[in-house]
Amino acid sequence: MIPSVRYGLAFFVNVVLPTAAYRLAFAHVGLPGALLVSSVPLFVWIGIDLLRYRHFDALSALVLASIAMSMLIFASDAADALRAAREPLVSGIVGVLFLLSLLLRRPLVFYLARSTLSRERQGRESEFDAMWLSRPALARSIRLMTAVWGIGLVCENAMRLWMVLSFDTDDAHRVSTYVGYAVYAALTVWTIVYRHGVIKRQ
């Protein structure tokens, strides 16, 4: 599978399907139930990945962990305003994790890229580990991607929460959803273009 298609599929499975499942389930089972339903596509994808490639998808695991953290936040007594907003904090939590990982020797995008490469061919992850140590430009580009995704996701979540808390109407919720899709699409396109540029330079 060519990289652009693979990234598009990862975006569809890890963003579009969980979001769609959450939206469809919310009116019937409420926020906690909708969050549980949104995790189903991720569990299915991880299961298929394990059976077909003997590989554990790091991105899906990260989103699942963020859904679990969102459920804990919404279960707290201090989250009445957030529950009224009907918006999960998944993307914001993922963004914070991206930014915090910049303090580590290897940020989150390193592990996500390594996970993707290991699916392509056995041994690719070892090659990637060697490239990380021998090519400082690669390390800088991965740290930049981590920072861009972290800032983008945190800003997206903050903007959507502000919209639905300030203008608690159906139109506001609808527009906030479109804003989320627009930010995800922009980040995905930027990543594909930037990655092609890095490969071309190298």
C-alpha atoms as a PDB file:
ATOM      1  CA  MET A   1       0.000   0.000   0.000  1.00  0.00           C
ATOM      2  CA  ILE A   2       1.460   3.388  -0.983  1.00  0.00           C
ATOM      3  CA  PRO A   3       2.148   5.787   1.948  1.00  0.00           C
ATOM      4  CA  SER A   4      -0.529   8.361   1.095  1.00  0.00           C
ATOM      5  CA  VAL A   5      -3.248   5.691   0.899  1.00  0.00           C
ATOM      6  CA  ARG A   6      -1.995   4.091   4.092  1.00  0.00           C
ATOM      7  CA  TYR A   7      -2.121   7.418   5.957  1.00  0.00           C
ATOM      8  CA  GLY A   8      -5.578   8.094   4.553  1.00  0.00           C
ATOM      9  CA  LEU A   9      -6.782   4.693   5.785  1.00  0.00           C
ATOM     10  CA  ALA A  10      -5.268   5.323   9.220  1.00  0.00           C
ATOM     11  CA  PHE A  11      -7.080   8.685   9.366  1.00  0.00           C
ATOM     12  CA  PHE A  12     -10.375   7.041   8.367  1.00  0.00           C
ATOM     13  CA  VAL A  13     -10.107   4.235  10.938  1.00  0.00           C
ATOM     14  CA  ASN A  14      -8.735   6.267  13.838  1.00  0.00           C
ATOM     15  CA  VAL A  15     -10.625   9.540  13.348  1.00  0.00           C
ATOM     16  CA  VAL A  16     -13.604   9.318  10.975  1.00  0.00           C
ATOM     17  CA  LEU A  17     -15.066   5.972  12.120  1.00  0.00           C
ATOM     18  CA  PRO A  18     -14.817   6.640  15.900  1.00  0.00           C
ATOM     19  CA  THR A  19     -16.248  10.147  15.448  1.00  0.00           C
ATOM     20  CA  ALA A  20     -19.119   8.879  13.318  1.00  0.00           C
ATOM     21  CA  ALA A  21     -19.845   6.084  15.809  1.00  0.00           C
ATOM     22  CA  TYR A  22     -19.842   8.595  18.673  1.00  0.00           C
ATOM     23  CA  ARG A  23     -22.250  10.947  16.865  1.00  0.00           C
ATOM     24  CA  LEU A  24     -24.672   8.179  15.945  1.00  0.00           C
ATOM     25  CA  ALA A  25     -24.675   6.648  19.429  1.00  0.00           C
ATOM     26  CA  PHE A  26     -24.832   9.822  21.530  1.00  0.00           C
ATOM     27  CA  ALA A  27     -28.570  10.439  21.132  1.00  0.00           C
ATOM     28  CA  HIS A  28     -29.370   6.846  22.160  1.00  0.00           C
ATOM     29  CA  VAL A  29     -26.895   5.958  24.918  1.00  0.00           C
ATOM     30  CA  GLY A  30     -25.528   9.294  26.185  1.00  0.00           C
ATOM     31  CA  LEU A  31     -21.939  10.445  26.421  1.00  0.00           C
ATOM     32  CA  PRO A  32     -20.260   7.542  28.303  1.00  0.00           C
ATOM     33  CA  GLY A  33     -21.993   4.960  26.109  1.00  0.00           C
ATOM     34  CA  ALA A  34     -21.131   6.887  22.954  1.00  0.00           C
ATOM     35  CA  LEU A  35     -17.474   6.955  23.955  1.00  0.00           C
ATOM     36  CA  LEU A  36     -17.578   3.190  24.420  1.00  0.00           C
ATOM     37  CA  VAL A  37     -19.203   2.749  20.998  1.00  0.00           C
ATOM     38  CA  SER A  38     -16.552   4.982  19.406  1.00  0.00           C
ATOM     39  CA  SER A  39     -13.869   2.588  20.639  1.00  0.00           C
ATOM     40  CA  VAL A  40     -15.349  -0.404  18.763  1.00  0.00           C
ATOM     41  CA  PRO A  41     -13.765   0.419  15.336  1.00  0.00           C
ATOM     42  CA  LEU A  42     -10.394   0.780  17.059  1.00  0.00           C
ATOM     43  CA  PHE A  43     -10.644  -2.607  18.774  1.00  0.00           C
ATOM     44  CA  VAL A  44     -11.667  -4.209  15.472  1.00  0.00           C
ATOM     45  CA  TRP A  45      -8.745  -2.558  13.641  1.00  0.00           C
ATOM     46  CA  ILE A  46      -6.255  -3.645  16.321  1.00  0.00           C
ATOM     47  CA  GLY A  47      -7.631  -7.201  16.149  1.00  0.00           C
ATOM     48  CA  ILE A  48      -7.309  -7.337  12.352  1.00  0.00           C
ATOM     49  CA  ASP A  49      -3.786  -5.938  12.579  1.00  0.00           C
ATOM     50  CA  LEU A  50      -2.764  -8.557  15.130  1.00  0.00           C
ATOM     51  CA  LEU A  51      -4.248 -11.434  13.147  1.00  0.00           C
ATOM     52  CA  ARG A  52      -2.979 -10.334   9.735  1.00  0.00           C
ATOM     53  CA  TYR A  53       0.394  -8.736  10.477  1.00  0.00           C
ATOM     54  CA  ARG A  54       1.188  -9.890  14.035  1.00  0.00           C
ATOM     55  CA  HIS A  55       1.489  -6.174  14.660  1.00  0.00           C
ATOM     56  CA  PHE A  56       0.070  -3.872  17.337  1.00  0.00           C
ATOM     57  CA  ASP A  57      -1.113  -0.547  15.934  1.00  0.00           C
ATOM     58  CA  ALA A  58       0.340   2.242  18.095  1.00  0.00           C
ATOM     59  CA  LEU A  59      -1.975   4.988  16.805  1.00  0.00           C
ATOM     60  CA  SER A  60      -5.153   3.042  17.585  1.00  0.00           C
ATOM     61  CA  ALA A  61      -3.805   2.212  21.039  1.00  0.00           C
ATOM     62  CA  LEU A  62      -3.086   5.912  21.634  1.00  0.00           C
ATOM     63  CA  VAL A  63      -6.628   6.916  20.640  1.00  0.00           C
ATOM     64  CA  LEU A  64      -8.088   4.163  22.841  1.00  0.00           C
ATOM     65  CA  ALA A  65      -6.054   5.397  25.793  1.00  0.00           C
ATOM     66  CA  SER A  66      -7.319   8.927  25.168  1.00  0.00           C
ATOM     67  CA  ILE A  67     -10.931   7.715  25.039  1.00  0.00           C
ATOM     68  CA  ALA A  68     -10.400   5.994  28.389  1.00  0.00           C
ATOM     69  CA  MET A  69      -8.951   9.203  29.861  1.00  0.00           C
ATOM     70  CA  SER A  70     -11.892  11.189  28.477  1.00  0.00           C
ATOM     71  CA  MET A  71     -14.315   8.804  30.188  1.00  0.00           C
ATOM     72  CA  LEU A  72     -12.522   9.287  33.503  1.00  0.00           C
ATOM     73  CA  ILE A  73     -12.727  13.082  33.127  1.00  0.00           C
ATOM     74  CA  PHE A  74     -16.417  13.035  32.241  1.00  0.00           C
ATOM     75  CA  ALA A  75     -17.124  10.689  35.150  1.00  0.00           C
ATOM     76  CA  SER A  76     -15.744  13.224  37.639  1.00  0.00           C
ATOM     77  CA  ASP A  77     -17.970  15.636  39.575  1.00  0.00           C
ATOM     78  CA  ALA A  78     -16.020  18.614  38.222  1.00  0.00           C
ATOM     79  CA  ALA A  79     -16.926  17.958  34.600  1.00  0.00           C
ATOM     80  CA  ASP A  80     -20.551  19.198  34.496  1.00  0.00           C
ATOM     81  CA  ALA A  81     -19.762  21.934  31.983  1.00  0.00           C
ATOM     82  CA  LEU A  82     -17.861  19.545  29.760  1.00  0.00           C
ATOM     83  CA  ARG A  83     -20.662  16.993  29.887  1.00  0.00           C
ATOM     84  CA  ALA A  84     -23.091  19.731  28.875  1.00  0.00           C
ATOM     85  CA  ALA A  85     -20.846  20.520  25.932  1.00  0.00           C
ATOM     86  CA  ARG A  86     -21.335  16.948  24.649  1.00  0.00           C
ATOM     87  CA  GLU A  87     -17.773  17.005  23.333  1.00  0.00           C
ATOM     88  CA  PRO A  88     -15.196  14.318  24.171  1.00  0.00           C
ATOM     89  CA  LEU A  89     -11.695  15.483  25.012  1.00  0.00           C
ATOM     90  CA  VAL A  90      -9.974  12.767  22.987  1.00  0.00           C
ATOM     91  CA  SER A  91      -8.201  14.995  20.485  1.00  0.00           C
ATOM     92  CA  GLY A  92      -7.097  17.450  23.160  1.00  0.00           C
ATOM     93  CA  ILE A  93      -5.660  14.667  25.308  1.00  0.00           C
ATOM     94  CA  VAL A  94      -3.837  13.202  22.302  1.00  0.00           C
ATOM     95  CA  GLY A  95      -2.416  16.653  21.539  1.00  0.00           C
ATOM     96  CA  VAL A  96      -1.156  17.074  25.118  1.00  0.00           C
ATOM     97  CA  LEU A  97       0.474  13.634  24.960  1.00  0.00           C
ATOM     98  CA  PHE A  98       2.206  14.602  21.705  1.00  0.00           C
ATOM     99  CA  LEU A  99       3.601  17.784  23.267  1.00  0.00           C
ATOM    100  CA  LEU A 100       4.692  16.060  26.489  1.00  0.00           C
ATOM    101  CA  SER A 101       6.483  13.376  24.465  1.00  0.00           C
ATOM    102  CA  LEU A 102       8.818  16.074  23.093  1.00  0.00           C
ATOM    103  CA  LEU A 103      10.507  15.936  26.501  1.00  0.00           C
ATOM    104  CA  LEU A 104      11.459  12.303  25.868  1.00  0.00           C
ATOM    105  CA  ARG A 105      14.388  10.975  23.850  1.00  0.00           C
ATOM    106  CA  ARG A 106      11.935   9.674  21.263  1.00  0.00           C
ATOM    107  CA  PRO A 107       8.609  11.503  20.763  1.00  0.00           C
ATOM    108  CA  LEU A 108       5.293   9.832  19.962  1.00  0.00           C
ATOM    109  CA  VAL A 109       5.561  10.319  16.195  1.00  0.00           C
ATOM    110  CA  PHE A 110       8.717   8.167  16.261  1.00  0.00           C
ATOM    111  CA  TYR A 111       6.733   5.213  17.623  1.00  0.00           C
ATOM    112  CA  LEU A 112       3.800   5.838  15.280  1.00  0.00           C
ATOM    113  CA  ALA A 113       6.136   5.921  12.260  1.00  0.00           C
ATOM    114  CA  ARG A 114       7.955   2.819  13.496  1.00  0.00           C
ATOM    115  CA  SER A 115       4.630   1.030  13.919  1.00  0.00           C
ATOM    116  CA  THR A 116       3.610   1.927  10.358  1.00  0.00           C
ATOM    117  CA  LEU A 117       6.915   0.760   8.862  1.00  0.00           C
ATOM    118  CA  SER A 118       6.833  -2.560  10.719  1.00  0.00           C
ATOM    119  CA  ARG A 119       3.578  -3.354   8.906  1.00  0.00           C
ATOM    120  CA  GLU A 120       5.213  -2.891   5.503  1.00  0.00           C
ATOM    121  CA  ARG A 121       8.030  -5.399   5.847  1.00  0.00           C
ATOM    122  CA  GLN A 122       9.647  -7.398   8.613  1.00  0.00           C
ATOM    123  CA  GLY A 123      12.808  -5.677   9.765  1.00  0.00           C
ATOM    124  CA  ARG A 124      11.821  -2.164   8.679  1.00  0.00           C
ATOM    125  CA  GLU A 125      11.547  -1.086  12.308  1.00  0.00           C
ATOM    126  CA  SER A 126      15.216  -2.000  12.896  1.00  0.00           C
ATOM    127  CA  GLU A 127      16.219   0.029   9.841  1.00  0.00           C
ATOM    128  CA  PHE A 128      14.209   2.967  11.173  1.00  0.00           C
ATOM    129  CA  ASP A 129      15.923   2.714  14.569  1.00  0.00           C
ATOM    130  CA  ALA A 130      19.309   2.900  12.838  1.00  0.00           C
ATOM    131  CA  MET A 131      18.221   5.872  10.713  1.00  0.00           C
ATOM    132  CA  TRP A 132      17.023   7.718  13.825  1.00  0.00           C
ATOM    133  CA  LEU A 133      20.525   7.435  15.318  1.00  0.00           C
ATOM    134  CA  SER A 134      22.471   8.203  12.140  1.00  0.00           C
ATOM    135  CA  ARG A 135      20.363  10.979  10.582  1.00  0.00           C
ATOM    136  CA  PRO A 136      19.876  14.074  12.777  1.00  0.00           C
ATOM    137  CA  ALA A 137      17.668  15.641  10.074  1.00  0.00           C
ATOM    138  CA  LEU A 138      15.216  12.730  10.436  1.00  0.00           C
ATOM    139  CA  ALA A 139      15.053  13.228  14.197  1.00  0.00           C
ATOM    140  CA  ARG A 140      14.413  16.959  13.734  1.00  0.00           C
ATOM    141  CA  SER A 141      11.630  16.333  11.210  1.00  0.00           C
ATOM    142  CA  ILE A 142       9.906  13.828  13.503  1.00  0.00           C
ATOM    143  CA  ARG A 143      10.087  16.250  16.421  1.00  0.00           C
ATOM    144  CA  LEU A 144       8.626  18.981  14.216  1.00  0.00           C
ATOM    145  CA  MET A 145       5.733  16.708  13.167  1.00  0.00           C
ATOM    146  CA  THR A 146       5.119  15.849  16.823  1.00  0.00           C
ATOM    147  CA  ALA A 147       4.979  19.541  17.751  1.00  0.00           C
ATOM    148  CA  VAL A 148       2.695  20.475  14.828  1.00  0.00           C
ATOM    149  CA  TRP A 149       0.229  17.666  15.579  1.00  0.00           C
ATOM    150  CA  GLY A 150       0.282  18.394  19.302  1.00  0.00           C
ATOM    151  CA  ILE A 151      -0.382  22.115  18.894  1.00  0.00           C
ATOM    152  CA  GLY A 152      -2.961  21.492  16.164  1.00  0.00           C
ATOM    153  CA  LEU A 153      -4.969  18.975  18.200  1.00  0.00           C
ATOM    154  CA  VAL A 154      -4.908  21.029  21.394  1.00  0.00           C
ATOM    155  CA  CYS A 155      -6.040  24.159  19.530  1.00  0.00           C
ATOM    156  CA  GLU A 156      -8.732  22.204  17.669  1.00  0.00           C
ATOM    157  CA  ASN A 157     -10.185  20.790  20.863  1.00  0.00           C
ATOM    158  CA  ALA A 158     -10.027  24.141  22.682  1.00  0.00           C
ATOM    159  CA  MET A 159     -11.743  25.905  19.773  1.00  0.00           C
ATOM    160  CA  ARG A 160     -14.543  23.327  19.573  1.00  0.00           C
ATOM    161  CA  LEU A 161     -15.162  23.358  23.318  1.00  0.00           C
ATOM    162  CA  TRP A 162     -15.278  27.167  23.303  1.00  0.00           C
ATOM    163  CA  MET A 163     -17.814  27.131  20.465  1.00  0.00           C
ATOM    164  CA  VAL A 164     -20.213  24.660  22.063  1.00  0.00           C
ATOM    165  CA  LEU A 165     -19.917  26.157  25.562  1.00  0.00           C
ATOM    166  CA  SER A 166     -20.392  29.734  24.336  1.00  0.00           C
ATOM    167  CA  PHE A 167     -23.126  29.013  21.775  1.00  0.00           C
ATOM    168  CA  ASP A 168     -24.912  25.913  23.048  1.00  0.00           C
ATOM    169  CA  THR A 169     -27.049  25.338  19.963  1.00  0.00           C
ATOM    170  CA  ASP A 170     -27.345  22.566  17.415  1.00  0.00           C
ATOM    171  CA  ASP A 171     -25.702  24.822  14.820  1.00  0.00           C
ATOM    172  CA  ALA A 172     -22.718  25.390  17.103  1.00  0.00           C
ATOM    173  CA  HIS A 173     -22.283  21.651  17.625  1.00  0.00           C
ATOM    174  CA  ARG A 174     -22.539  21.067  13.888  1.00  0.00           C
ATOM    175  CA  VAL A 175     -20.002  23.761  13.031  1.00  0.00           C
ATOM    176  CA  SER A 176     -17.612  22.490  15.718  1.00  0.00           C
ATOM    177  CA  THR A 177     -17.718  19.064  14.068  1.00  0.00           C
ATOM    178  CA  TYR A 178     -16.824  20.594  10.701  1.00  0.00           C
ATOM    179  CA  VAL A 179     -13.971  22.492  12.362  1.00  0.00           C
ATOM    180  CA  GLY A 180     -12.638  19.230  13.753  1.00  0.00           C
ATOM    181  CA  TYR A 181     -12.740  17.511  10.369  1.00  0.00           C
ATOM    182  CA  ALA A 182     -11.072  20.517   8.724  1.00  0.00           C
ATOM    183  CA  VAL A 183      -8.216  20.516  11.253  1.00  0.00           C
ATOM    184  CA  TYR A 184      -7.683  16.742  10.944  1.00  0.00           C
ATOM    185  CA  ALA A 185      -7.673  16.961   7.162  1.00  0.00           C
ATOM    186  CA  ALA A 186      -5.257  19.908   7.174  1.00  0.00           C
ATOM    187  CA  LEU A 187      -2.862  18.127   9.532  1.00  0.00           C
ATOM    188  CA  THR A 188      -3.004  14.947   7.452  1.00  0.00           C
ATOM    189  CA  VAL A 189      -2.353  16.785   4.175  1.00  0.00           C
ATOM    190  CA  TRP A 190       0.482  18.759   5.760  1.00  0.00           C
ATOM    191  CA  THR A 191       2.052  15.535   7.064  1.00  0.00           C
ATOM    192  CA  ILE A 192       1.916  13.855   3.646  1.00  0.00           C
ATOM    193  CA  VAL A 193       3.377  16.899   1.865  1.00  0.00           C
ATOM    194  CA  TYR A 194       6.053  17.447   4.505  1.00  0.00           C
ATOM    195  CA  ARG A 195       7.021  13.758   4.505  1.00  0.00           C
ATOM    196  CA  HIS A 196       7.417  13.756   0.710  1.00  0.00           C
ATOM    197  CA  GLY A 197       9.588  16.869   1.005  1.00  0.00           C
ATOM    198  CA  VAL A 198      11.815  15.247   3.648  1.00  0.00           C
ATOM    199  CA  ILE A 199      12.218  12.093   1.554  1.00  0.00           C
ATOM    200  CA  LYS A 200      13.049  14.140  -1.541  1.00  0.00           C
ATOM    201  CA  ARG A 201      15.705  16.158   0.292  1.00  0.00           C
ATOM    202  CA  GLN A 202      17.290  13.007   1.705  1.00  0.00           C
END
